[in-house]
Amino acid sequence: MNHPKIAHCVETLCQKGCKEVSRLILTLERGEPVAEVLELPPAERQAVLDELKAIMAVYDERGSCGPD
């Protein structure tokens, strides 16, 4: 990921913790608004979602974090 706005957004969201990131992923997948990405164009929102999913895949493999 070499886009500073996307990287900053992902970092900000990840600071909320893995359970919240899991909830945010579900929200983004449903196309619902998430304040941290509202100003991004659709392609960049998708990039944020893709990056969050890639990061969370590590947790999913261990079964250690889900949205509850």
Protein backbone atom coordinates (compact mmCIF):
# COMPACT_ATOMS: atom_id res chain seq x y z
CA MET A 1 0.00 0.00 0.00
CA ASN A 2 1.68 3.18 -1.14
CA HIS A 3 -1.13 5.71 -0.85
CA PRO A 4 -0.66 7.91 2.24
CA LYS A 5 -4.39 8.65 2.77
CA ILE A 6 -5.27 4.96 2.64
CA ALA A 7 -2.40 4.01 4.93
CA HIS A 8 -3.40 6.68 7.45
CA CYS A 9 -7.03 5.59 7.38
CA VAL A 10 -6.11 1.91 7.89
CA GLU A 11 -3.78 2.82 10.75
CA THR A 12 -6.45 4.95 12.41
CA LEU A 13 -9.04 2.20 12.12
CA CYS A 14 -6.67 -0.49 13.38
CA GLN A 15 -6.05 1.52 16.53
CA LYS A 16 -9.67 0.82 17.48
CA GLY A 17 -8.84 -2.84 18.12
CA CYS A 18 -9.57 -6.04 16.29
CA LYS A 19 -13.21 -6.48 17.35
CA GLU A 20 -14.08 -2.97 16.21
CA VAL A 21 -12.18 -3.48 12.94
CA SER A 22 -14.17 -6.67 12.37
CA ARG A 23 -17.39 -4.70 12.84
CA LEU A 24 -16.13 -1.94 10.54
CA ILE A 25 -15.35 -4.49 7.83
CA LEU A 26 -18.91 -5.80 7.98
CA THR A 27 -20.25 -2.24 7.86
CA LEU A 28 -18.10 -1.35 4.85
CA GLU A 29 -19.07 -4.57 3.06
CA ARG A 30 -22.73 -3.61 3.44
CA GLY A 31 -21.97 -0.21 1.93
CA GLU A 32 -22.94 1.60 5.10
CA PRO A 33 -21.17 4.83 6.08
CA VAL A 34 -18.03 4.77 8.19
CA ALA A 35 -16.90 8.22 9.27
CA GLU A 36 -13.19 7.57 8.72
CA VAL A 37 -13.66 6.78 5.01
CA LEU A 38 -16.53 9.10 4.03
CA GLU A 39 -14.22 11.58 2.33
CA LEU A 40 -12.48 8.90 0.25
CA PRO A 41 -13.64 8.09 -3.27
CA PRO A 42 -15.13 4.61 -3.76
CA ALA A 43 -11.91 3.05 -5.11
CA GLU A 44 -9.96 4.22 -2.06
CA ARG A 45 -12.70 3.01 0.29
CA GLN A 46 -12.39 -0.39 -1.34
CA ALA A 47 -8.63 -0.27 -0.89
CA VAL A 48 -9.09 0.44 2.82
CA LEU A 49 -11.54 -2.46 3.09
CA ASP A 50 -9.18 -4.80 1.23
CA GLU A 51 -6.27 -3.82 3.47
CA LEU A 52 -8.32 -4.27 6.65
CA LYS A 53 -9.45 -7.70 5.47
CA ALA A 54 -5.85 -8.70 4.74
CA ILE A 55 -4.75 -7.58 8.19
CA MET A 56 -7.64 -9.31 9.92
CA ALA A 57 -7.03 -12.56 8.05
CA VAL A 58 -4.18 -13.21 10.51
CA TYR A 59 -6.62 -13.01 13.43
CA ASP A 60 -9.25 -15.09 11.63
CA GLU A 61 -6.75 -17.90 11.11
CA ARG A 62 -6.24 -18.08 14.87
CA GLY A 63 -9.92 -17.56 15.64
CA SER A 64 -8.94 -14.87 18.10
CA CYS A 65 -11.02 -11.95 16.94
CA GLY A 66 -14.49 -11.53 15.55
CA PRO A 67 -17.24 -8.95 15.64
CA ASP A 68 -19.24 -10.94 18.23
